[in-house]
Amino acid sequence: MPLFTVTTRAGRTVAEKDAISAALHEASISSGYPEDDFFQRFISLEEADLRISPRYPDLRKPRGSQVVMIEALLSSGTAHATKRLLLSAMVSRLQAAGTDPDDVMVFFGELDRSNSSFGGGRVAPPVEVQTST
């Protein structure tokens, strides 16, 4: 893991989605996840189907039309330090790819790996996150 679900407004180009994808993958690797641990899905919604408060909770300026909502599903028990590192890496890499940090929303969820399978009918094995020392 992580499994990233990226929700945006419709109209994003393939190049824009590729840039978001690369930023998330780079952030994941820099946070200690294996390079081949790559699972993403993109959901594009029409304006009427994606309704987001423009300033909640305390943004200085309204979110723009290029808002990116990211759900990152992680293994249960993921350390708070790993989540903070992943969040920081996602925001900085998305900013480098052209996304305003105020337009990046991230939500972490946790799933016990015994409740998932990556294929072959086998329960997901443990993931080893490399931490920096």
C-alpha atoms as a PDB file:
ATOM      1  CA  MET A   1       0.000   0.000   0.000  1.00  0.00           C
ATOM      2  CA  PRO A   2      -0.818   2.945  -0.242  1.00  0.00           C
ATOM      3  CA  LEU A   3      -3.750   2.948  -2.599  1.00  0.00           C
ATOM      4  CA  PHE A   4      -4.326   6.471  -3.897  1.00  0.00           C
ATOM      5  CA  THR A   5      -7.730   7.578  -5.157  1.00  0.00           C
ATOM      6  CA  VAL A   6      -7.452  10.959  -6.860  1.00  0.00           C
ATOM      7  CA  THR A   7     -10.650  12.900  -7.445  1.00  0.00           C
ATOM      8  CA  THR A   8     -10.618  15.972  -9.681  1.00  0.00           C
ATOM      9  CA  ARG A   9     -13.026  17.968 -11.745  1.00  0.00           C
ATOM     10  CA  ALA A  10     -13.497  16.708 -15.295  1.00  0.00           C
ATOM     11  CA  GLY A  11     -11.362  18.203 -18.028  1.00  0.00           C
ATOM     12  CA  ARG A  12      -7.880  17.304 -16.808  1.00  0.00           C
ATOM     13  CA  THR A  13      -5.565  16.257 -19.611  1.00  0.00           C
ATOM     14  CA  VAL A  14      -3.636  13.001 -19.689  1.00  0.00           C
ATOM     15  CA  ALA A  15      -0.444  15.021 -19.160  1.00  0.00           C
ATOM     16  CA  GLU A  16      -1.898  16.638 -16.032  1.00  0.00           C
ATOM     17  CA  LYS A  17      -2.972  13.263 -14.653  1.00  0.00           C
ATOM     18  CA  ASP A  18       0.464  11.831 -15.484  1.00  0.00           C
ATOM     19  CA  ALA A  19       2.102  14.679 -13.528  1.00  0.00           C
ATOM     20  CA  ILE A  20      -0.158  14.058 -10.530  1.00  0.00           C
ATOM     21  CA  SER A  21       0.501  10.322 -10.744  1.00  0.00           C
ATOM     22  CA  ALA A  22       4.272  10.806 -10.879  1.00  0.00           C
ATOM     23  CA  ALA A  23       4.185  13.254  -7.961  1.00  0.00           C
ATOM     24  CA  LEU A  24       2.236  10.801  -5.794  1.00  0.00           C
ATOM     25  CA  HIS A  25       4.499   7.908  -6.701  1.00  0.00           C
ATOM     26  CA  GLU A  26       7.644   9.933  -5.987  1.00  0.00           C
ATOM     27  CA  ALA A  27       6.147  11.019  -2.653  1.00  0.00           C
ATOM     28  CA  SER A  28       5.342   7.426  -1.782  1.00  0.00           C
ATOM     29  CA  ILE A  29       8.879   6.246  -2.547  1.00  0.00           C
ATOM     30  CA  SER A  30      10.453   9.147  -0.656  1.00  0.00           C
ATOM     31  CA  SER A  31       8.314   8.201   2.357  1.00  0.00           C
ATOM     32  CA  GLY A  32       9.806   4.715   2.410  1.00  0.00           C
ATOM     33  CA  TYR A  33       7.360   2.649   0.359  1.00  0.00           C
ATOM     34  CA  PRO A  34       8.787   0.231  -2.208  1.00  0.00           C
ATOM     35  CA  GLU A  35       9.095   1.526  -5.783  1.00  0.00           C
ATOM     36  CA  ASP A  36       6.888  -1.246  -7.170  1.00  0.00           C
ATOM     37  CA  ASP A  37       4.146  -0.492  -4.616  1.00  0.00           C
ATOM     38  CA  PHE A  38       2.150   1.488  -7.180  1.00  0.00           C
ATOM     39  CA  PHE A  39      -1.656   1.595  -6.978  1.00  0.00           C
ATOM     40  CA  GLN A  40      -3.630   4.638  -8.135  1.00  0.00           C
ATOM     41  CA  ARG A  41      -7.032   5.383  -9.547  1.00  0.00           C
ATOM     42  CA  PHE A  42      -8.391   8.630 -10.914  1.00  0.00           C
ATOM     43  CA  ILE A  43     -11.994   9.784 -10.703  1.00  0.00           C
ATOM     44  CA  SER A  44     -13.084  12.815 -12.725  1.00  0.00           C
ATOM     45  CA  LEU A  45     -16.345  14.463 -11.772  1.00  0.00           C
ATOM     46  CA  GLU A  46     -18.425  17.138 -13.440  1.00  0.00           C
ATOM     47  CA  GLU A  47     -18.776  20.485 -11.663  1.00  0.00           C
ATOM     48  CA  ALA A  48     -22.180  19.563 -10.230  1.00  0.00           C
ATOM     49  CA  ASP A  49     -20.789  16.299  -8.837  1.00  0.00           C
ATOM     50  CA  LEU A  50     -17.850  17.716  -6.866  1.00  0.00           C
ATOM     51  CA  ARG A  51     -18.887  20.277  -4.273  1.00  0.00           C
ATOM     52  CA  ILE A  52     -16.162  21.577  -2.007  1.00  0.00           C
ATOM     53  CA  SER A  53     -16.132  24.411   0.503  1.00  0.00           C
ATOM     54  CA  PRO A  54     -13.901  27.095  -1.012  1.00  0.00           C
ATOM     55  CA  ARG A  55     -12.033  28.069   2.188  1.00  0.00           C
ATOM     56  CA  TYR A  56     -12.702  25.440   4.866  1.00  0.00           C
ATOM     57  CA  PRO A  57     -11.203  25.296   7.406  1.00  0.00           C
ATOM     58  CA  ASP A  58      -8.953  28.359   7.259  1.00  0.00           C
ATOM     59  CA  LEU A  59      -7.543  28.974   3.791  1.00  0.00           C
ATOM     60  CA  ARG A  60      -6.400  32.523   3.016  1.00  0.00           C
ATOM     61  CA  LYS A  61      -7.828  32.383  -0.494  1.00  0.00           C
ATOM     62  CA  PRO A  62     -10.496  30.219  -2.122  1.00  0.00           C
ATOM     63  CA  ARG A  63      -9.561  26.877  -3.630  1.00  0.00           C
ATOM     64  CA  GLY A  64      -9.181  27.020  -7.394  1.00  0.00           C
ATOM     65  CA  SER A  65     -10.871  24.975 -10.081  1.00  0.00           C
ATOM     66  CA  GLN A  66      -7.928  22.538 -10.159  1.00  0.00           C
ATOM     67  CA  VAL A  67      -8.570  21.154  -6.670  1.00  0.00           C
ATOM     68  CA  VAL A  68      -7.194  17.639  -6.121  1.00  0.00           C
ATOM     69  CA  MET A  69      -8.834  15.433  -3.492  1.00  0.00           C
ATOM     70  CA  ILE A  70      -6.619  12.492  -2.536  1.00  0.00           C
ATOM     71  CA  GLU A  71      -7.665   9.517  -0.465  1.00  0.00           C
ATOM     72  CA  ALA A  72      -4.650   7.490   0.644  1.00  0.00           C
ATOM     73  CA  LEU A  73      -5.554   4.060   1.972  1.00  0.00           C
ATOM     74  CA  LEU A  74      -2.727   2.781   4.171  1.00  0.00           C
ATOM     75  CA  SER A  75      -2.114  -0.321   6.247  1.00  0.00           C
ATOM     76  CA  SER A  76      -3.614  -0.094   9.709  1.00  0.00           C
ATOM     77  CA  GLY A  77      -1.112   0.969  12.301  1.00  0.00           C
ATOM     78  CA  THR A  78       0.861   3.192   9.927  1.00  0.00           C
ATOM     79  CA  ALA A  79       2.930   5.496  12.098  1.00  0.00           C
ATOM     80  CA  HIS A  80       1.797   9.119  12.362  1.00  0.00           C
ATOM     81  CA  ALA A  81       5.324  10.180  11.387  1.00  0.00           C
ATOM     82  CA  THR A  82       5.010   8.203   8.139  1.00  0.00           C
ATOM     83  CA  LYS A  83       1.673   9.870   7.375  1.00  0.00           C
ATOM     84  CA  ARG A  84       3.106  13.335   8.039  1.00  0.00           C
ATOM     85  CA  LEU A  85       6.116  12.566   5.847  1.00  0.00           C
ATOM     86  CA  LEU A  86       3.878  11.263   3.049  1.00  0.00           C
ATOM     87  CA  LEU A  87       1.570  14.301   3.324  1.00  0.00           C
ATOM     88  CA  SER A  88       4.475  16.739   3.143  1.00  0.00           C
ATOM     89  CA  ALA A  89       6.030  14.879   0.206  1.00  0.00           C
ATOM     90  CA  MET A  90       2.722  14.780  -1.702  1.00  0.00           C
ATOM     91  CA  VAL A  91       2.060  18.489  -1.280  1.00  0.00           C
ATOM     92  CA  SER A  92       5.599  19.547  -2.215  1.00  0.00           C
ATOM     93  CA  ARG A  93       5.762  17.281  -5.275  1.00  0.00           C
ATOM     94  CA  LEU A  94       2.298  18.281  -6.446  1.00  0.00           C
ATOM     95  CA  GLN A  95       3.299  21.934  -6.048  1.00  0.00           C
ATOM     96  CA  ALA A  96       6.395  21.285  -8.182  1.00  0.00           C
ATOM     97  CA  ALA A  97       4.043  19.732 -10.772  1.00  0.00           C
ATOM     98  CA  GLY A  98       1.928  22.903 -10.835  1.00  0.00           C
ATOM     99  CA  THR A  99      -0.764  22.345  -8.196  1.00  0.00           C
ATOM    100  CA  ASP A 100      -1.344  25.074  -5.620  1.00  0.00           C
ATOM    101  CA  PRO A 101      -0.888  23.555  -2.114  1.00  0.00           C
ATOM    102  CA  ASP A 102      -4.229  25.107  -1.079  1.00  0.00           C
ATOM    103  CA  ASP A 103      -5.863  23.012  -3.811  1.00  0.00           C
ATOM    104  CA  VAL A 104      -4.542  19.734  -2.354  1.00  0.00           C
ATOM    105  CA  MET A 105      -6.841  17.896   0.031  1.00  0.00           C
ATOM    106  CA  VAL A 106      -5.593  14.623   1.558  1.00  0.00           C
ATOM    107  CA  PHE A 107      -7.499  12.084   3.613  1.00  0.00           C
ATOM    108  CA  PHE A 108      -5.850   9.034   5.133  1.00  0.00           C
ATOM    109  CA  GLY A 109      -7.748   5.849   5.783  1.00  0.00           C
ATOM    110  CA  GLU A 110      -6.441   2.617   7.224  1.00  0.00           C
ATOM    111  CA  LEU A 111      -7.190  -0.981   6.320  1.00  0.00           C
ATOM    112  CA  ASP A 112      -5.997  -4.134   8.002  1.00  0.00           C
ATOM    113  CA  ARG A 113      -4.012  -5.993   5.327  1.00  0.00           C
ATOM    114  CA  SER A 114      -5.820  -9.215   6.250  1.00  0.00           C
ATOM    115  CA  ASN A 115      -8.886  -7.577   4.666  1.00  0.00           C
ATOM    116  CA  SER A 116      -7.275  -7.174   1.248  1.00  0.00           C
ATOM    117  CA  SER A 117      -5.713  -9.103  -1.606  1.00  0.00           C
ATOM    118  CA  PHE A 118      -3.480  -7.845  -4.400  1.00  0.00           C
ATOM    119  CA  GLY A 119      -4.305 -10.822  -6.590  1.00  0.00           C
ATOM    120  CA  GLY A 120      -4.218 -14.565  -6.847  1.00  0.00           C
ATOM    121  CA  GLY A 121      -6.671 -14.969  -3.987  1.00  0.00           C
ATOM    122  CA  ARG A 122      -3.850 -14.420  -1.494  1.00  0.00           C
ATOM    123  CA  VAL A 123      -4.180 -12.168   1.536  1.00  0.00           C
ATOM    124  CA  ALA A 124      -1.953  -9.111   1.219  1.00  0.00           C
ATOM    125  CA  PRO A 125       1.487  -9.654   2.744  1.00  0.00           C
ATOM    126  CA  PRO A 126       2.975  -7.128   5.159  1.00  0.00           C
ATOM    127  CA  VAL A 127       4.623  -4.088   3.595  1.00  0.00           C
ATOM    128  CA  GLU A 128       7.989  -2.933   4.803  1.00  0.00           C
ATOM    129  CA  VAL A 129       8.261   0.830   4.938  1.00  0.00           C
ATOM    130  CA  GLN A 130      11.904   1.931   4.994  1.00  0.00           C
ATOM    131  CA  THR A 131      12.447   4.638   7.549  1.00  0.00           C
ATOM    132  CA  SER A 132      15.324   7.054   7.498  1.00  0.00           C
ATOM    133  CA  THR A 133      17.668   6.934  10.437  1.00  0.00           C
END
